[in-house]
Amino acid sequence: MALTISTRRDDSALGDSSFVAPPLAGLVVYQLTLDPALGSEERNVVLDRVAALGVTAVELLPGTERREPSEQYVPAHVAVERAFGGAAALRAFVADAHRHGLAVIVDVTYQRPDPFGEVGLDVAQESVRGVIVREALRWLRDVRVDGVRHDMGAYADLMDASSVPRPVGYQLIRELNAAIREEFSHVVLIALDEQGDGRATSRDASGALFHAQWDTTYVHPIRAALDGRGPMADVRDVIGSSFGDTFSRVVYAHCAELIGREPAPTQEPLDWESAKRVTLGLSMVLTSPGIPLLFQGQEAAHGGEVGDGAHAPRAHRFPDLVRDLVRLRRNWYDTTRGLSGHGLDVFHCHEDSRVVAWHRWSDIGPGDDVVVVANLSPETYPAYRIGFPDDGPWRLRFSSDDTSYCSLFGGHPSTDVVAEFRPIDAQPASAEVSIGPYSLLVFSQDAWPV
């Protein structure tokens, strides 16, 4: 069977082999569509701009149009190489990304074997599945990507469902992921499957052995609430949901295919309300449990390619907002460790005010505990009392209404607060916070002196 496509290694293109991808808790992913025709200098300009946001990984989509769906996807990694001009070109991109401190995740699927024409893949045979697994491992050794996002296609029948039972494709995925986990402990395995099935990330006998999967149940309730239609109880529930582990899900608040709420570059700029909702959605993603995913152009308030956003009106670009949130997420200043921790308590959710607040922590204590307050209404609340997990001063680390992020914003005067031992929201302390419309605040305490 014609699965293996030989490639000549060019070790000089592999760059610094000492690059180590971050753990799941350290991933902040930026989905990037990149034209493979870009030269090295142009490609590095794009990577400079992406790296400046502070993200730690890019999820790479090919920028070329494909004649058929199978041209991009199958056989998985071979098609990826084609889309990027061959294995050497893809290795060069990976090396460039690593030099920028960015891990590289690529999209694959084993769902359609169209390129082989009349050659069938009888994946019911263990020997055939073994060939596919060995070829995937060879490819990972050769190209040195740091992760794979697998379009599962409802657990990848690999053939028409009438000819290959669904469990056979699922068995292939499980065997493939088991082999990757054994040889490449650093490679992250992400599933894109609209079923939201916990088996995708389970490690028991029924599991597909992915590390994480896209949480399609997160995006829609957040969108509905931002539009003023969905109940706040749904927001509370999706902030606190998971597939068994905090970082077993990928969370996002915009996807052009699913939502299409941001205008394309050719459309009119966002108005105040749209800009506020877009940035509030971004802020919620970067402060919620899970692996945050940003879509190309979100920092420019539209879904255009990197580069287009650079020419957008300054009033409608939010790279500084994204950068500041990512730094907090990554505990850049050693004051927000909890944003990359497992602890979560969504302790306040009010349907009428449309305010929700949650506490995140890793080890508990100053420098670790983080309180996030989000106002999903157009109302301003000058003195809104919420609970805090401890008394004393809580520093305001971030306000999405800051005018430095967008000239349309009102710059509501949110400030540090001092919590007192006055129980509310099942918390031992509380304080009055001042929050603007469609805004998100991040509070934490200064770490104790060593």
Protein backbone atom coordinates (compact mmCIF):
# COMPACT_ATOMS: atom_id res chain seq x y z
CA MET A 1 0.00 0.00 0.00
CA ALA A 2 1.25 3.47 -0.91
CA LEU A 3 1.29 5.14 2.48
CA THR A 4 4.92 6.09 2.97
CA ILE A 5 6.21 9.12 1.10
CA SER A 6 9.93 9.37 1.59
CA THR A 7 11.43 12.71 2.49
CA ARG A 8 15.04 13.78 2.60
CA ARG A 9 15.99 15.23 5.94
CA ASP A 10 17.61 18.61 6.01
CA ASP A 11 18.95 18.78 9.55
CA SER A 12 20.04 22.38 9.09
CA ALA A 13 16.36 23.31 8.85
CA LEU A 14 15.54 21.75 12.20
CA GLY A 15 17.11 24.58 14.15
CA ASP A 16 17.53 24.41 17.90
CA SER A 17 16.56 20.89 18.98
CA SER A 18 16.57 22.03 22.63
CA PHE A 19 13.10 23.61 22.30
CA VAL A 20 10.64 22.10 24.76
CA ALA A 21 6.92 22.64 24.32
CA PRO A 22 5.05 23.85 27.42
CA PRO A 23 2.89 21.47 29.46
CA LEU A 24 -0.89 21.51 28.98
CA ALA A 25 -1.30 24.13 31.73
CA GLY A 26 1.10 26.43 29.88
CA LEU A 27 -0.52 26.23 26.45
CA VAL A 28 -2.09 29.35 24.97
CA VAL A 29 -2.87 28.51 21.35
CA TYR A 30 -3.22 30.82 18.36
CA GLN A 31 -4.82 29.31 15.27
CA LEU A 32 -2.86 30.51 12.26
CA THR A 33 -3.55 30.26 8.55
CA LEU A 34 -0.28 30.73 6.72
CA ASP A 35 0.36 30.88 3.01
CA PRO A 36 3.16 28.39 2.29
CA ALA A 37 4.33 30.67 -0.53
CA LEU A 38 5.60 33.20 2.02
CA GLY A 39 9.35 33.61 2.07
CA SER A 40 11.39 33.14 5.21
CA GLU A 41 11.53 36.87 5.96
CA GLU A 42 7.77 37.34 5.54
CA ARG A 43 7.07 34.25 7.60
CA ASN A 44 9.22 35.56 10.42
CA VAL A 45 7.36 38.88 10.40
CA VAL A 46 4.14 36.94 10.98
CA LEU A 47 5.72 34.87 13.73
CA ASP A 48 7.12 38.03 15.36
CA ARG A 49 3.62 39.48 15.54
CA VAL A 50 2.10 36.31 16.92
CA ALA A 51 4.88 35.81 19.48
CA ALA A 52 4.42 39.40 20.66
CA LEU A 53 0.95 38.43 21.91
CA GLY A 54 2.64 36.10 24.40
CA VAL A 55 0.95 32.92 23.17
CA THR A 56 2.93 29.71 23.52
CA ALA A 57 1.73 27.69 20.51
CA VAL A 58 0.36 28.06 17.00
CA GLU A 59 -2.18 25.69 15.52
CA LEU A 60 -1.26 25.65 11.88
CA LEU A 61 -3.78 25.65 9.05
CA PRO A 62 -2.63 25.64 5.42
CA GLY A 63 -3.42 28.80 3.50
CA THR A 64 -3.80 27.23 0.05
CA GLU A 65 -7.15 26.39 -1.45
CA ARG A 66 -7.66 22.68 -1.94
CA ARG A 67 -9.48 21.12 -4.89
CA GLU A 68 -11.10 18.47 -2.73
CA PRO A 69 -11.44 18.01 1.03
CA SER A 70 -9.07 15.05 0.79
CA GLU A 71 -6.32 17.22 -0.69
CA GLN A 72 -5.77 18.86 2.69
CA TYR A 73 -6.44 16.03 5.04
CA VAL A 74 -5.69 12.49 3.94
CA PRO A 75 -3.45 10.66 4.37
CA ALA A 76 -3.07 12.90 7.37
CA HIS A 77 0.53 14.09 7.62
CA VAL A 78 1.37 13.52 3.94
CA ALA A 79 -1.38 15.94 2.96
CA VAL A 80 -0.08 18.46 5.49
CA GLU A 81 3.31 18.28 3.84
CA ARG A 82 1.74 18.88 0.42
CA ALA A 83 -0.18 21.90 1.68
CA PHE A 84 3.02 23.50 2.99
CA GLY A 85 5.19 22.78 0.01
CA GLY A 86 6.68 19.52 1.23
CA ALA A 87 8.25 18.12 4.37
CA ALA A 88 11.33 20.35 4.17
CA ALA A 89 9.20 23.50 4.02
CA LEU A 90 7.15 22.36 6.99
CA ARG A 91 10.31 21.54 8.97
CA ALA A 92 11.63 25.01 8.22
CA PHE A 93 8.45 26.58 9.56
CA VAL A 94 8.61 24.47 12.71
CA ALA A 95 12.22 25.52 13.26
CA ASP A 96 11.30 29.21 12.78
CA ALA A 97 8.40 28.88 15.21
CA HIS A 98 10.63 27.20 17.81
CA ARG A 99 13.12 30.06 17.54
CA HIS A 100 10.20 32.37 18.39
CA GLY A 101 9.37 30.26 21.44
CA LEU A 102 6.24 28.84 19.80
CA ALA A 103 5.19 25.21 19.79
CA VAL A 104 3.56 23.99 16.57
CA ILE A 105 0.32 22.00 16.43
CA VAL A 106 -0.86 20.72 13.05
CA ASP A 107 -4.31 19.59 11.92
CA VAL A 108 -4.78 16.09 10.55
CA THR A 109 -7.52 13.53 9.99
CA TYR A 110 -7.56 9.93 8.85
CA GLN A 111 -11.16 10.08 7.75
CA ARG A 112 -10.97 10.04 3.94
CA PRO A 113 -8.54 7.84 1.98
CA ASP A 114 -9.52 9.44 -1.38
CA PRO A 115 -5.95 10.09 -2.68
CA PHE A 116 -5.40 6.37 -3.00
CA GLY A 117 -8.24 6.04 -5.51
CA GLU A 118 -9.18 2.39 -5.77
CA VAL A 119 -6.71 1.29 -3.10
CA GLY A 120 -8.67 0.44 0.01
CA LEU A 121 -7.35 0.50 3.57
CA ASP A 122 -8.76 -2.43 5.48
CA VAL A 123 -8.17 -0.99 8.93
CA ALA A 124 -9.98 -3.95 10.43
CA GLN A 125 -6.64 -5.74 9.97
CA GLU A 126 -4.15 -5.15 12.76
CA SER A 127 -1.26 -5.21 10.27
CA VAL A 128 -2.77 -2.35 8.26
CA ARG A 129 -3.34 -0.26 11.38
CA GLY A 130 0.26 -0.98 12.36
CA VAL A 131 1.56 0.45 9.08
CA ILE A 132 -0.44 3.65 9.59
CA VAL A 133 0.82 4.01 13.17
CA ARG A 134 4.47 3.42 12.21
CA GLU A 135 4.24 5.96 9.39
CA ALA A 136 2.78 8.57 11.74
CA LEU A 137 5.62 8.01 14.22
CA ARG A 138 8.20 8.31 11.44
CA TRP A 139 6.65 11.59 10.39
CA LEU A 140 6.70 12.99 13.92
CA ARG A 141 10.38 12.10 14.26
CA ASP A 142 11.15 13.78 10.96
CA VAL A 143 9.18 17.02 11.21
CA ARG A 144 9.31 17.56 15.00
CA VAL A 145 5.94 19.19 15.47
CA ASP A 146 4.79 19.55 19.06
CA GLY A 147 1.16 18.58 18.74
CA VAL A 148 -1.58 17.19 16.54
CA ARG A 149 -5.18 18.35 16.36
CA HIS A 150 -7.11 15.39 15.05
CA ASP A 151 -10.41 16.01 13.29
CA MET A 152 -12.09 12.90 14.62
CA GLY A 153 -15.14 12.96 12.37
CA ALA A 154 -17.24 11.20 15.02
CA TYR A 155 -14.35 8.84 15.75
CA ALA A 156 -13.07 8.55 12.21
CA ASP A 157 -14.73 5.69 10.37
CA LEU A 158 -11.87 6.10 7.88
CA MET A 159 -14.19 4.60 5.30
CA ASP A 160 -17.88 4.95 4.58
CA ALA A 161 -19.78 3.85 7.67
CA SER A 162 -21.54 1.17 5.68
CA SER A 163 -18.26 -0.62 4.90
CA VAL A 164 -16.19 -0.17 8.05
CA PRO A 165 -17.76 -0.37 11.50
CA ARG A 166 -17.24 2.76 13.59
CA PRO A 167 -15.32 0.91 16.36
CA VAL A 168 -12.60 0.01 13.85
CA GLY A 169 -11.72 3.63 13.15
CA TYR A 170 -11.88 4.36 16.85
CA GLN A 171 -9.48 1.48 17.53
CA LEU A 172 -7.01 2.96 15.03
CA ILE A 173 -7.14 6.32 16.80
CA ARG A 174 -6.55 4.68 20.17
CA GLU A 175 -3.59 2.64 18.91
CA LEU A 176 -2.12 5.68 17.19
CA ASN A 177 -2.39 7.87 20.29
CA ALA A 178 -1.01 5.14 22.54
CA ALA A 179 2.07 4.81 20.34
CA ILE A 180 2.59 8.59 20.21
CA ARG A 181 2.26 8.90 23.98
CA GLU A 182 4.85 6.15 24.49
CA GLU A 183 7.49 7.62 22.17
CA PHE A 184 6.75 11.37 22.33
CA SER A 185 5.81 12.40 25.84
CA HIS A 186 5.91 16.09 24.83
CA VAL A 187 3.50 15.85 21.87
CA VAL A 188 0.02 17.11 22.75
CA LEU A 189 -2.91 15.25 21.21
CA ILE A 190 -6.07 17.31 20.68
CA ALA A 191 -9.39 16.06 19.33
CA LEU A 192 -11.88 18.14 17.42
CA ASP A 193 -15.12 16.25 17.74
CA GLU A 194 -18.49 17.96 18.00
CA GLN A 195 -19.90 15.14 20.10
CA GLY A 196 -18.21 16.41 23.27
CA ASP A 197 -17.76 12.78 24.32
CA GLY A 198 -15.65 12.26 27.43
CA ARG A 199 -14.23 9.07 25.92
CA ALA A 200 -12.04 11.18 23.62
CA THR A 201 -9.82 12.22 26.54
CA SER A 202 -10.33 9.17 28.73
CA ARG A 203 -7.35 6.94 29.47
CA ASP A 204 -9.35 3.90 30.49
CA ALA A 205 -10.17 0.92 28.28
CA SER A 206 -12.84 2.90 26.40
CA GLY A 207 -10.77 6.04 25.89
CA ALA A 208 -9.20 7.46 22.73
CA LEU A 209 -6.21 8.73 24.75
CA PHE A 210 -6.27 12.35 23.62
CA HIS A 211 -4.88 14.90 26.06
CA ALA A 212 -7.61 17.44 25.30
CA GLN A 213 -10.53 18.12 23.00
CA TRP A 214 -12.27 21.23 21.72
CA ASP A 215 -15.13 22.09 24.06
CA THR A 216 -17.97 22.90 21.68
CA THR A 217 -20.28 23.16 24.69
CA TYR A 218 -18.37 26.26 25.88
CA VAL A 219 -18.64 28.52 22.89
CA HIS A 220 -22.40 28.55 22.33
CA PRO A 221 -23.62 29.42 25.87
CA ILE A 222 -20.99 32.17 26.08
CA ARG A 223 -22.10 33.58 22.75
CA ALA A 224 -25.77 33.43 23.72
CA ALA A 225 -25.08 35.18 27.03
CA LEU A 226 -22.97 37.89 25.35
CA ASP A 227 -25.91 38.50 23.01
CA GLY A 228 -28.22 38.85 26.00
CA ARG A 229 -30.24 35.76 25.07
CA GLY A 230 -28.76 32.93 27.10
CA PRO A 231 -29.21 32.36 30.85
CA MET A 232 -26.36 33.12 33.19
CA ALA A 233 -26.74 29.68 34.75
CA ASP A 234 -25.42 28.24 31.49
CA VAL A 235 -22.39 30.54 31.70
CA ARG A 236 -21.72 29.36 35.25
CA ASP A 237 -21.97 25.74 34.18
CA VAL A 238 -19.67 25.96 31.13
CA ILE A 239 -17.00 27.89 33.01
CA GLY A 240 -16.85 25.03 35.48
CA SER A 241 -17.19 22.10 33.08
CA SER A 242 -14.40 19.76 31.95
CA PHE A 243 -13.79 16.33 30.46
CA GLY A 244 -12.31 15.02 33.68
CA ASP A 245 -9.33 17.33 34.01
CA THR A 246 -8.99 21.11 33.98
CA PHE A 247 -6.82 21.04 30.86
CA SER A 248 -8.68 18.29 29.05
CA ARG A 249 -10.61 20.87 27.04
CA VAL A 250 -9.80 23.66 24.59
CA VAL A 251 -11.96 26.75 25.16
CA TYR A 252 -12.72 29.51 22.69
CA ALA A 253 -15.31 32.24 22.16
CA HIS A 254 -15.14 32.81 18.44
CA CYS A 255 -14.99 30.59 15.42
CA ALA A 256 -15.81 31.97 12.00
CA GLU A 257 -17.44 28.70 10.95
CA LEU A 258 -19.56 28.43 14.08
CA ILE A 259 -20.31 32.01 15.00
CA GLY A 260 -19.21 34.59 12.44
CA ARG A 261 -19.86 37.46 14.83
CA GLU A 262 -16.76 39.53 14.05
CA PRO A 263 -16.81 41.30 10.68
CA ALA A 264 -14.40 40.42 7.91
CA PRO A 265 -11.71 42.98 7.07
CA THR A 266 -13.85 44.35 4.22
CA GLN A 267 -16.80 45.08 6.51
CA GLU A 268 -17.48 48.12 8.62
CA PRO A 269 -15.46 48.49 11.85
CA LEU A 270 -17.04 47.32 15.08
CA ASP A 271 -19.26 49.66 17.03
CA TRP A 272 -18.89 50.13 20.80
CA GLU A 273 -21.18 47.30 21.83
CA SER A 274 -19.68 44.78 19.42
CA ALA A 275 -16.15 45.73 20.43
CA LYS A 276 -17.06 45.31 24.09
CA ARG A 277 -18.62 41.90 23.52
CA VAL A 278 -15.69 40.68 21.45
CA THR A 279 -13.16 41.69 24.10
CA LEU A 280 -15.30 40.32 26.92
CA GLY A 281 -15.44 36.97 25.14
CA LEU A 282 -11.66 37.01 24.70
CA SER A 283 -11.20 37.91 28.35
CA MET A 284 -13.43 35.07 29.52
CA VAL A 285 -11.54 32.54 27.39
CA LEU A 286 -8.19 33.59 28.81
CA THR A 287 -9.39 33.42 32.42
CA SER A 288 -11.51 30.24 32.23
CA PRO A 289 -10.19 26.76 33.05
CA GLY A 290 -8.95 24.85 30.03
CA ILE A 291 -6.50 25.46 27.19
CA PRO A 292 -7.36 28.87 25.67
CA LEU A 293 -7.57 29.11 21.90
CA LEU A 294 -7.42 32.39 19.98
CA PHE A 295 -8.43 32.67 16.36
CA GLN A 296 -6.43 34.55 13.79
CA GLY A 297 -7.53 38.16 13.65
CA GLN A 298 -9.31 38.22 17.00
CA GLU A 299 -6.77 40.68 18.31
CA ALA A 300 -7.75 42.91 15.38
CA ALA A 301 -11.49 42.41 16.01
CA HIS A 302 -12.10 40.46 12.85
CA GLY A 303 -11.31 37.08 11.39
CA GLY A 304 -8.80 38.27 8.82
CA GLU A 305 -5.29 37.00 8.38
CA VAL A 306 -2.36 38.20 10.41
CA GLY A 307 -1.12 41.25 8.56
CA ASP A 308 -4.59 42.50 7.72
CA GLY A 309 -5.07 43.36 11.37
CA ALA A 310 -1.96 45.50 11.32
CA HIS A 311 -3.77 47.93 9.02
CA ALA A 312 -7.04 47.99 10.97
CA PRO A 313 -7.95 51.27 12.72
CA ARG A 314 -6.16 51.52 16.04
CA ALA A 315 -9.54 51.92 17.74
CA HIS A 316 -10.46 48.42 16.67
CA ARG A 317 -7.27 46.52 17.46
CA PHE A 318 -6.74 44.79 20.77
CA PRO A 319 -3.25 43.26 20.74
CA ASP A 320 -2.35 44.98 24.03
CA LEU A 321 -5.46 43.58 25.71
CA VAL A 322 -4.63 40.08 24.47
CA ARG A 323 -0.98 40.42 25.49
CA ASP A 324 -1.86 41.61 29.01
CA LEU A 325 -4.36 38.80 29.52
CA VAL A 326 -1.93 36.17 28.23
CA ARG A 327 0.74 37.44 30.61
CA LEU A 328 -1.65 37.11 33.53
CA ARG A 329 -2.61 33.66 32.31
CA ARG A 330 1.06 32.67 32.26
CA ASN A 331 1.75 34.22 35.69
CA TRP A 332 4.18 36.65 34.07
CA TYR A 333 4.44 38.81 37.21
CA ASP A 334 4.17 35.98 39.78
CA THR A 335 0.84 37.32 41.04
CA THR A 336 -1.71 35.18 39.15
CA ARG A 337 -0.52 31.59 39.41
CA GLY A 338 -4.08 30.41 39.91
CA LEU A 339 -5.04 31.15 36.30
CA SER A 340 -3.01 28.11 35.25
CA GLY A 341 -4.11 25.98 38.20
CA HIS A 342 -6.73 23.29 38.67
CA GLY A 343 -8.77 24.98 41.40
CA LEU A 344 -12.09 26.58 40.45
CA ASP A 345 -15.15 27.90 42.29
CA VAL A 346 -17.79 29.79 40.31
CA PHE A 347 -19.16 31.36 43.47
CA HIS A 348 -21.36 34.16 42.11
CA CYS A 349 -23.88 34.09 39.28
CA HIS A 350 -26.80 36.53 39.17
CA GLU A 351 -29.42 36.30 36.47
CA ASP A 352 -30.77 39.86 36.79
CA SER A 353 -27.46 41.73 37.01
CA ARG A 354 -25.80 39.28 34.54
CA VAL A 355 -22.66 39.29 36.66
CA VAL A 356 -20.63 36.13 37.22
CA ALA A 357 -17.50 35.72 39.34
CA TRP A 358 -15.12 32.85 39.85
CA HIS A 359 -12.10 32.00 41.99
CA ARG A 360 -9.13 30.15 40.49
CA TRP A 361 -6.15 28.78 42.33
CA SER A 362 -3.24 26.39 42.14
CA ASP A 363 -1.88 26.17 45.69
CA ILE A 364 -4.00 28.83 47.48
CA GLY A 365 -2.67 32.03 49.00
CA PRO A 366 -1.37 35.48 47.97
CA GLY A 367 0.19 35.47 44.52
CA ASP A 368 -1.84 32.37 43.70
CA ASP A 369 -5.54 33.09 44.31
CA VAL A 370 -7.27 34.92 41.46
CA VAL A 371 -10.79 36.35 41.43
CA VAL A 372 -12.40 37.11 38.07
CA VAL A 373 -15.54 39.23 37.77
CA ALA A 374 -17.43 39.49 34.47
CA ASN A 375 -20.36 41.77 33.69
CA LEU A 376 -22.29 40.47 30.69
CA SER A 377 -24.76 43.35 30.69
CA PRO A 378 -24.74 46.91 29.26
CA GLU A 379 -25.23 48.26 32.78
CA THR A 380 -22.60 49.93 34.96
CA TYR A 381 -22.26 48.82 38.59
CA PRO A 382 -20.34 51.39 40.69
CA ALA A 383 -20.57 49.34 43.92
CA TYR A 384 -21.29 45.64 43.43
CA ARG A 385 -20.60 43.43 46.42
CA ILE A 386 -19.16 39.99 45.78
CA GLY A 387 -17.36 37.42 47.86
CA PHE A 388 -13.59 37.01 48.15
CA PRO A 389 -11.72 33.95 49.46
CA ASP A 390 -9.71 36.03 51.93
CA ASP A 391 -9.70 39.47 53.48
CA GLY A 392 -7.21 42.26 52.90
CA PRO A 393 -6.16 44.18 49.79
CA TRP A 394 -6.90 42.73 46.35
CA ARG A 395 -5.08 44.38 43.48
CA LEU A 396 -6.82 45.05 40.19
CA ARG A 397 -4.56 43.38 37.63
CA PHE A 398 -6.75 43.89 34.57
CA SER A 399 -9.83 45.76 33.38
CA SER A 400 -11.09 45.10 29.86
CA ASP A 401 -12.69 48.57 29.78
CA ASP A 402 -9.35 50.37 29.90
CA THR A 403 -9.22 53.09 27.23
CA SER A 404 -5.64 52.13 26.40
CA TYR A 405 -7.06 49.01 24.75
CA CYS A 406 -9.60 50.81 22.58
CA SER A 407 -10.57 54.45 22.11
CA LEU A 408 -14.23 53.41 22.05
CA PHE A 409 -14.09 52.14 25.63
CA GLY A 410 -15.33 54.20 28.56
CA GLY A 411 -12.46 53.61 30.95
CA HIS A 412 -14.72 52.81 33.89
CA PRO A 413 -12.84 53.67 37.11
CA SER A 414 -12.38 50.19 38.53
CA THR A 415 -9.87 50.05 41.37
CA ASP A 416 -8.13 47.85 43.92
CA VAL A 417 -10.42 46.75 46.75
CA VAL A 418 -10.03 45.79 50.39
CA ALA A 419 -12.05 42.75 51.36
CA GLU A 420 -13.42 42.47 54.89
CA PHE A 421 -14.61 39.44 56.84
CA ARG A 422 -18.23 39.78 55.80
CA PRO A 423 -19.39 36.47 54.34
CA ILE A 424 -21.27 36.46 51.05
CA ASP A 425 -21.48 34.04 48.10
CA ALA A 426 -20.30 31.25 50.44
CA GLN A 427 -16.98 33.13 50.74
CA PRO A 428 -15.50 34.23 54.08
CA ALA A 429 -14.89 37.82 52.94
CA SER A 430 -16.38 40.34 50.53
CA ALA A 431 -15.84 43.73 48.94
CA GLU A 432 -17.62 46.16 46.64
CA VAL A 433 -16.18 46.21 43.15
CA SER A 434 -16.86 48.84 40.51
CA ILE A 435 -17.31 47.41 37.04
CA GLY A 436 -18.25 48.85 33.67
CA PRO A 437 -20.58 47.42 31.01
CA TYR A 438 -19.58 44.26 29.15
CA SER A 439 -16.36 44.20 31.15
CA LEU A 440 -14.12 41.76 32.97
CA LEU A 441 -11.89 42.43 35.99
CA VAL A 442 -9.04 40.32 37.38
CA PHE A 443 -8.02 40.64 41.04
CA SER A 444 -5.22 38.98 42.99
CA GLN A 445 -3.18 39.58 46.11
CA ASP A 446 0.50 40.43 46.24
CA ALA A 447 2.67 37.50 47.20
CA TRP A 448 4.09 37.50 50.71
CA PRO A 449 7.73 38.57 50.96
CA VAL A 450 10.12 35.63 51.08
